[in-house]
Amino acid sequence: VRRLEQLFWQMQGECERGETPVPDLQ
């Protein structure tokens, strides 16, 4: 659970910085 929450906050940080990944469907 601690790791899961770390990942949620990592995603949030990436989103705030405009770094949310874009799925590659090529």
PDB file of all heavy atoms in Angstrom:
ATOM      1  N   VAL A   1       0.834  -1.205   0.000  1.00  0.00           N
ATOM      2  CA  VAL A   1       0.000   0.000   0.000  1.00  0.00           C
ATOM      3  C   VAL A   1       0.867   1.253   0.000  1.00  0.00           C
ATOM      4  O   VAL A   1       0.567   2.221  -0.712  1.00  0.00           O
ATOM      5  CB  VAL A   1      -0.964  -0.011   1.209  1.00  0.00           C
ATOM      6  CG1 VAL A   1      -1.761   1.284   1.267  1.00  0.00           C
ATOM      7  CG2 VAL A   1      -1.899  -1.204   1.120  1.00  0.00           C
ATOM      8  N   ARG A   2       1.952   1.253   0.764  1.00  0.00           N
ATOM      9  CA  ARG A   2       2.846   2.421   0.768  1.00  0.00           C
ATOM     10  C   ARG A   2       3.416   2.664  -0.632  1.00  0.00           C
ATOM     11  O   ARG A   2       3.480   3.808  -1.093  1.00  0.00           O
ATOM     12  CB  ARG A   2       3.984   2.217   1.775  1.00  0.00           C
ATOM     13  CG  ARG A   2       3.568   2.319   3.236  1.00  0.00           C
ATOM     14  CD  ARG A   2       4.776   2.474   4.154  1.00  0.00           C
ATOM     15  NE  ARG A   2       5.679   1.327   4.064  1.00  0.00           N
ATOM     16  CZ  ARG A   2       5.563   0.233   4.796  1.00  0.00           C
ATOM     17  NH1 ARG A   2       4.568   0.112   5.669  1.00  0.00           N
ATOM     18  NH2 ARG A   2       6.439  -0.758   4.677  1.00  0.00           N
ATOM     19  N   ARG A   3       3.826   1.585  -1.290  1.00  0.00           N
ATOM     20  CA  ARG A   3       4.368   1.720  -2.644  1.00  0.00           C
ATOM     21  C   ARG A   3       3.296   2.196  -3.618  1.00  0.00           C
ATOM     22  O   ARG A   3       3.557   3.040  -4.479  1.00  0.00           O
ATOM     23  CB  ARG A   3       4.947   0.372  -3.103  1.00  0.00           C
ATOM     24  CG  ARG A   3       5.477   0.368  -4.529  1.00  0.00           C
ATOM     25  CD  ARG A   3       6.571   1.392  -4.745  1.00  0.00           C
ATOM     26  NE  ARG A   3       7.076   1.342  -6.105  1.00  0.00           N
ATOM     27  CZ  ARG A   3       7.722   2.341  -6.702  1.00  0.00           C
ATOM     28  NH1 ARG A   3       7.961   3.476  -6.040  1.00  0.00           N
ATOM     29  NH2 ARG A   3       8.150   2.225  -7.935  1.00  0.00           N
ATOM     30  N   LEU A   4       2.098   1.695  -3.460  1.00  0.00           N
ATOM     31  CA  LEU A   4       0.993   2.108  -4.314  1.00  0.00           C
ATOM     32  C   LEU A   4       0.752   3.607  -4.185  1.00  0.00           C
ATOM     33  O   LEU A   4       0.580   4.327  -5.189  1.00  0.00           O
ATOM     34  CB  LEU A   4      -0.260   1.322  -3.924  1.00  0.00           C
ATOM     35  CG  LEU A   4      -1.455   1.304  -4.874  1.00  0.00           C
ATOM     36  CD1 LEU A   4      -1.071   0.777  -6.233  1.00  0.00           C
ATOM     37  CD2 LEU A   4      -2.577   0.463  -4.266  1.00  0.00           C
ATOM     38  N   GLU A   5       0.772   4.100  -2.968  1.00  0.00           N
ATOM     39  CA  GLU A   5       0.562   5.533  -2.750  1.00  0.00           C
ATOM     40  C   GLU A   5       1.727   6.350  -3.306  1.00  0.00           C
ATOM     41  O   GLU A   5       1.516   7.447  -3.854  1.00  0.00           O
ATOM     42  CB  GLU A   5       0.365   5.801  -1.263  1.00  0.00           C
ATOM     43  CG  GLU A   5      -0.960   5.251  -0.744  1.00  0.00           C
ATOM     44  CD  GLU A   5      -1.068   5.251   0.773  1.00  0.00           C
ATOM     45  OE1 GLU A   5      -0.070   5.579   1.453  1.00  0.00           O
ATOM     46  OE2 GLU A   5      -2.152   4.912   1.280  1.00  0.00           O
ATOM     47  N   GLN A   6       2.939   5.831  -3.200  1.00  0.00           N
ATOM     48  CA  GLN A   6       4.081   6.511  -3.817  1.00  0.00           C
ATOM     49  C   GLN A   6       3.883   6.640  -5.321  1.00  0.00           C
ATOM     50  O   GLN A   6       4.189   7.693  -5.913  1.00  0.00           O
ATOM     51  CB  GLN A   6       5.375   5.747  -3.532  1.00  0.00           C
ATOM     52  CG  GLN A   6       5.859   5.826  -2.094  1.00  0.00           C
ATOM     53  CD  GLN A   6       7.032   4.887  -1.833  1.00  0.00           C
ATOM     54  OE1 GLN A   6       7.496   4.168  -2.732  1.00  0.00           O
ATOM     55  NE2 GLN A   6       7.510   4.861  -0.588  1.00  0.00           N
ATOM     56  N   LEU A   7       3.375   5.578  -5.938  1.00  0.00           N
ATOM     57  CA  LEU A   7       3.137   5.614  -7.383  1.00  0.00           C
ATOM     58  C   LEU A   7       2.040   6.617  -7.734  1.00  0.00           C
ATOM     59  O   LEU A   7       2.145   7.336  -8.734  1.00  0.00           O
ATOM     60  CB  LEU A   7       2.759   4.223  -7.887  1.00  0.00           C
ATOM     61  CG  LEU A   7       3.841   3.147  -7.795  1.00  0.00           C
ATOM     62  CD1 LEU A   7       3.347   1.840  -8.385  1.00  0.00           C
ATOM     63  CD2 LEU A   7       5.113   3.594  -8.500  1.00  0.00           C
ATOM     64  N   PHE A   8       0.983   6.677  -6.923  1.00  0.00           N
ATOM     65  CA  PHE A   8      -0.069   7.655  -7.180  1.00  0.00           C
ATOM     66  C   PHE A   8       0.503   9.079  -7.134  1.00  0.00           C
ATOM     67  O   PHE A   8       0.190   9.922  -7.991  1.00  0.00           O
ATOM     68  CB  PHE A   8      -1.194   7.509  -6.155  1.00  0.00           C
ATOM     69  CG  PHE A   8      -2.032   6.264  -6.320  1.00  0.00           C
ATOM     70  CD1 PHE A   8      -2.686   5.702  -5.221  1.00  0.00           C
ATOM     71  CD2 PHE A   8      -2.190   5.660  -7.550  1.00  0.00           C
ATOM     72  CE1 PHE A   8      -3.469   4.563  -5.357  1.00  0.00           C
ATOM     73  CE2 PHE A   8      -2.968   4.514  -7.701  1.00  0.00           C
ATOM     74  CZ  PHE A   8      -3.611   3.967  -6.590  1.00  0.00           C
ATOM     75  N   TRP A   9       1.349   9.333  -6.156  1.00  0.00           N
ATOM     76  CA  TRP A   9       1.951  10.664  -6.059  1.00  0.00           C
ATOM     77  C   TRP A   9       2.951  10.905  -7.195  1.00  0.00           C
ATOM     78  O   TRP A   9       3.077  12.040  -7.682  1.00  0.00           O
ATOM     79  CB  TRP A   9       2.627  10.857  -4.701  1.00  0.00           C
ATOM     80  CG  TRP A   9       1.641  11.255  -3.640  1.00  0.00           C
ATOM     81  CD1 TRP A   9       1.138  10.495  -2.644  1.00  0.00           C
ATOM     82  CD2 TRP A   9       1.016  12.543  -3.504  1.00  0.00           C
ATOM     83  NE1 TRP A   9       0.241  11.200  -1.876  1.00  0.00           N
ATOM     84  CE2 TRP A   9       0.146  12.470  -2.377  1.00  0.00           C
ATOM     85  CE3 TRP A   9       1.105  13.746  -4.207  1.00  0.00           C
ATOM     86  CZ2 TRP A   9      -0.623  13.553  -1.950  1.00  0.00           C
ATOM     87  CZ3 TRP A   9       0.326  14.828  -3.784  1.00  0.00           C
ATOM     88  CH2 TRP A   9      -0.520  14.724  -2.672  1.00  0.00           C
ATOM     89  N   GLN A  10       3.624   9.857  -7.645  1.00  0.00           N
ATOM     90  CA  GLN A  10       4.515  10.006  -8.807  1.00  0.00           C
ATOM     91  C   GLN A  10       3.711  10.393 -10.042  1.00  0.00           C
ATOM     92  O   GLN A  10       4.099  11.299 -10.793  1.00  0.00           O
ATOM     93  CB  GLN A  10       5.265   8.693  -9.074  1.00  0.00           C
ATOM     94  CG  GLN A  10       6.165   8.749 -10.318  1.00  0.00           C
ATOM     95  CD  GLN A  10       6.831   7.412 -10.616  1.00  0.00           C
ATOM     96  OE1 GLN A  10       7.057   6.602  -9.713  1.00  0.00           O
ATOM     97  NE2 GLN A  10       7.143   7.175 -11.879  1.00  0.00           N
ATOM     98  N   MET A  11       2.593   9.720 -10.252  1.00  0.00           N
ATOM     99  CA  MET A  11       1.722  10.055 -11.385  1.00  0.00           C
ATOM    100  C   MET A  11       1.230  11.497 -11.284  1.00  0.00           C
ATOM    101  O   MET A  11       1.182  12.223 -12.284  1.00  0.00           O
ATOM    102  CB  MET A  11       0.522   9.113 -11.419  1.00  0.00           C
ATOM    103  CG  MET A  11       0.839   7.660 -11.647  1.00  0.00           C
ATOM    104  SD  MET A  11      -0.677   6.663 -11.445  1.00  0.00           S
ATOM    105  CE  MET A  11       0.007   5.039 -11.162  1.00  0.00           C
ATOM    106  N   GLN A  12       0.854  11.893 -10.076  1.00  0.00           N
ATOM    107  CA  GLN A  12       0.379  13.260  -9.871  1.00  0.00           C
ATOM    108  C   GLN A  12       1.466  14.266 -10.208  1.00  0.00           C
ATOM    109  O   GLN A  12       1.213  15.273 -10.889  1.00  0.00           O
ATOM    110  CB  GLN A  12      -0.078  13.431  -8.424  1.00  0.00           C
ATOM    111  CG  GLN A  12      -0.518  14.844  -8.044  1.00  0.00           C
ATOM    112  CD  GLN A  12      -1.803  15.284  -8.723  1.00  0.00           C
ATOM    113  OE1 GLN A  12      -2.534  14.459  -9.271  1.00  0.00           O
ATOM    114  NE2 GLN A  12      -2.096  16.579  -8.678  1.00  0.00           N
ATOM    115  N   GLY A  13       2.693  14.007  -9.745  1.00  0.00           N
ATOM    116  CA  GLY A  13       3.797  14.918 -10.035  1.00  0.00           C
ATOM    117  C   GLY A  13       4.065  15.020 -11.521  1.00  0.00           C
ATOM    118  O   GLY A  13       4.281  16.120 -12.065  1.00  0.00           O
ATOM    119  N   GLU A  14       4.045  13.877 -12.207  1.00  0.00           N
ATOM    120  CA  GLU A  14       4.271  13.892 -13.658  1.00  0.00           C
ATOM    121  C   GLU A  14       3.168  14.666 -14.368  1.00  0.00           C
ATOM    122  O   GLU A  14       3.426  15.404 -15.330  1.00  0.00           O
ATOM    123  CB  GLU A  14       4.356  12.457 -14.181  1.00  0.00           C
ATOM    124  CG  GLU A  14       5.625  11.737 -13.738  1.00  0.00           C
ATOM    125  CD  GLU A  14       5.706  10.296 -14.207  1.00  0.00           C
ATOM    126  OE1 GLU A  14       4.744   9.819 -14.854  1.00  0.00           O
ATOM    127  OE2 GLU A  14       6.730   9.642 -13.926  1.00  0.00           O
ATOM    128  N   CYS A  15       1.945  14.512 -13.879  1.00  0.00           N
ATOM    129  CA  CYS A  15       0.820  15.227 -14.480  1.00  0.00           C
ATOM    130  C   CYS A  15       0.962  16.734 -14.277  1.00  0.00           C
ATOM    131  O   CYS A  15       0.756  17.522 -15.204  1.00  0.00           O
ATOM    132  CB  CYS A  15      -0.487  14.710 -13.886  1.00  0.00           C
ATOM    133  SG  CYS A  15      -1.972  15.342 -14.689  1.00  0.00           S
ATOM    134  N   GLU A  16       1.328  17.140 -13.070  1.00  0.00           N
ATOM    135  CA  GLU A  16       1.496  18.570 -12.788  1.00  0.00           C
ATOM    136  C   GLU A  16       2.602  19.184 -13.651  1.00  0.00           C
ATOM    137  O   GLU A  16       2.529  20.353 -14.023  1.00  0.00           O
ATOM    138  CB  GLU A  16       1.809  18.769 -11.310  1.00  0.00           C
ATOM    139  CG  GLU A  16       0.637  18.462 -10.382  1.00  0.00           C
ATOM    140  CD  GLU A  16       1.018  18.565  -8.911  1.00  0.00           C
ATOM    141  OE1 GLU A  16       2.135  19.045  -8.619  1.00  0.00           O
ATOM    142  OE2 GLU A  16       0.206  18.165  -8.047  1.00  0.00           O
ATOM    143  N   ARG A  17       3.617  18.388 -13.987  1.00  0.00           N
ATOM    144  CA  ARG A  17       4.731  18.889 -14.813  1.00  0.00           C
ATOM    145  C   ARG A  17       4.477  18.723 -16.304  1.00  0.00           C
ATOM    146  O   ARG A  17       5.353  19.027 -17.123  1.00  0.00           O
ATOM    147  CB  ARG A  17       6.019  18.143 -14.438  1.00  0.00           C
ATOM    148  CG  ARG A  17       6.490  18.381 -13.008  1.00  0.00           C
ATOM    149  CD  ARG A  17       7.880  17.817 -12.794  1.00  0.00           C
ATOM    150  NE  ARG A  17       7.958  16.383 -13.013  1.00  0.00           N
ATOM    151  CZ  ARG A  17       7.716  15.460 -12.087  1.00  0.00           C
ATOM    152  NH1 ARG A  17       7.356  15.844 -10.851  1.00  0.00           N
ATOM    153  NH2 ARG A  17       7.818  14.173 -12.354  1.00  0.00           N
ATOM    154  N   GLY A  18       3.294  18.211 -16.661  1.00  0.00           N
ATOM    155  CA  GLY A  18       2.984  18.003 -18.076  1.00  0.00           C
ATOM    156  C   GLY A  18       3.698  16.802 -18.665  1.00  0.00           C
ATOM    157  O   GLY A  18       3.936  16.745 -19.874  1.00  0.00           O
ATOM    158  N   GLU A  19       4.023  15.826 -17.811  1.00  0.00           N
ATOM    159  CA  GLU A  19       4.786  14.662 -18.260  1.00  0.00           C
ATOM    160  C   GLU A  19       3.966  13.374 -18.269  1.00  0.00           C
ATOM    161  O   GLU A  19       4.526  12.275 -18.354  1.00  0.00           O
ATOM    162  CB  GLU A  19       6.000  14.469 -17.346  1.00  0.00           C
ATOM    163  CG  GLU A  19       6.974  15.645 -17.362  1.00  0.00           C
ATOM    164  CD  GLU A  19       8.047  15.524 -16.286  1.00  0.00           C
ATOM    165  OE1 GLU A  19       8.036  14.511 -15.556  1.00  0.00           O
ATOM    166  OE2 GLU A  19       8.877  16.445 -16.181  1.00  0.00           O
ATOM    167  N   THR A  20       2.642  13.502 -18.195  1.00  0.00           N
ATOM    168  CA  THR A  20       1.805  12.301 -18.238  1.00  0.00           C
ATOM    169  C   THR A  20       2.037  11.579 -19.557  1.00  0.00           C
ATOM    170  O   THR A  20       1.971  12.192 -20.624  1.00  0.00           O
ATOM    171  CB  THR A  20       0.316  12.667 -18.101  1.00  0.00           C
ATOM    172  OG1 THR A  20       0.110  13.313 -16.842  1.00  0.00           O
ATOM    173  CG2 THR A  20      -0.557  11.424 -18.169  1.00  0.00           C
ATOM    174  N   PRO A  21       2.331  10.279 -19.523  1.00  0.00           N
ATOM    175  CA  PRO A  21       2.634   9.555 -20.760  1.00  0.00           C
ATOM    176  C   PRO A  21       1.434   9.481 -21.696  1.00  0.00           C
ATOM    177  O   PRO A  21       0.280   9.464 -21.258  1.00  0.00           O
ATOM    178  CB  PRO A  21       3.041   8.162 -20.273  1.00  0.00           C
ATOM    179  CG  PRO A  21       2.414   8.036 -18.918  1.00  0.00           C
ATOM    180  CD  PRO A  21       2.409   9.411 -18.330  1.00  0.00           C
ATOM    181  N   VAL A  22       1.723   9.440 -22.985  1.00  0.00           N
ATOM    182  CA  VAL A  22       0.698   9.280 -24.009  1.00  0.00           C
ATOM    183  C   VAL A  22       0.807   7.858 -24.553  1.00  0.00           C
ATOM    184  O   VAL A  22       1.876   7.457 -25.014  1.00  0.00           O
ATOM    185  CB  VAL A  22       0.885  10.295 -25.159  1.00  0.00           C
ATOM    186  CG1 VAL A  22      -0.150  10.047 -26.257  1.00  0.00           C
ATOM    187  CG2 VAL A  22       0.785  11.722 -24.632  1.00  0.00           C
ATOM    188  N   PRO A  23      -0.249   7.057 -24.471  1.00  0.00           N
ATOM    189  CA  PRO A  23      -0.177   5.673 -24.952  1.00  0.00           C
ATOM    190  C   PRO A  23       0.272   5.610 -26.411  1.00  0.00           C
ATOM    191  O   PRO A  23      -0.219   6.363 -27.259  1.00  0.00           O
ATOM    192  CB  PRO A  23      -1.611   5.171 -24.793  1.00  0.00           C
ATOM    193  CG  PRO A  23      -2.178   6.010 -23.692  1.00  0.00           C
ATOM    194  CD  PRO A  23      -1.566   7.371 -23.877  1.00  0.00           C
ATOM    195  N   ASP A  24       1.208   4.719 -26.688  1.00  0.00           N
ATOM    196  CA  ASP A  24       1.721   4.539 -28.046  1.00  0.00           C
ATOM    197  C   ASP A  24       0.935   3.418 -28.715  1.00  0.00           C
ATOM    198  O   ASP A  24       1.056   2.250 -28.337  1.00  0.00           O
ATOM    199  CB  ASP A  24       3.211   4.190 -28.000  1.00  0.00           C
ATOM    200  CG  ASP A  24       3.830   4.149 -29.392  1.00  0.00           C
ATOM    201  OD1 ASP A  24       3.070   4.079 -30.377  1.00  0.00           O
ATOM    202  OD2 ASP A  24       5.072   4.187 -29.493  1.00  0.00           O
ATOM    203  N   LEU A  25       0.126   3.771 -29.688  1.00  0.00           N
ATOM    204  CA  LEU A  25      -0.726   2.814 -30.385  1.00  0.00           C
ATOM    205  C   LEU A  25      -0.286   2.618 -31.836  1.00  0.00           C
ATOM    206  O   LEU A  25      -1.042   2.099 -32.665  1.00  0.00           O
ATOM    207  CB  LEU A  25      -2.188   3.283 -30.324  1.00  0.00           C
ATOM    208  CG  LEU A  25      -2.712   3.620 -28.918  1.00  0.00           C
ATOM    209  CD1 LEU A  25      -4.120   4.202 -28.994  1.00  0.00           C
ATOM    210  CD2 LEU A  25      -2.714   2.390 -28.020  1.00  0.00           C
ATOM    211  N   GLN A  26       0.937   3.020 -32.137  1.00  0.00           N
ATOM    212  CA  GLN A  26       1.456   2.973 -33.497  1.00  0.00           C
ATOM    213  C   GLN A  26       1.497   1.536 -34.036  1.00  0.00           C
ATOM    214  O   GLN A  26       1.944   0.612 -33.346  1.00  0.00           O
ATOM    215  CB  GLN A  26       2.876   3.546 -33.523  1.00  0.00           C
ATOM    216  CG  GLN A  26       3.491   3.706 -34.899  1.00  0.00           C
ATOM    217  CD  GLN A  26       2.863   4.858 -35.667  1.00  0.00           C
ATOM    218  OE1 GLN A  26       2.702   5.951 -35.132  1.00  0.00           O
ATOM    219  NE2 GLN A  26       2.497   4.611 -36.899  1.00  0.00           N
TER     220      GLN A  26
END
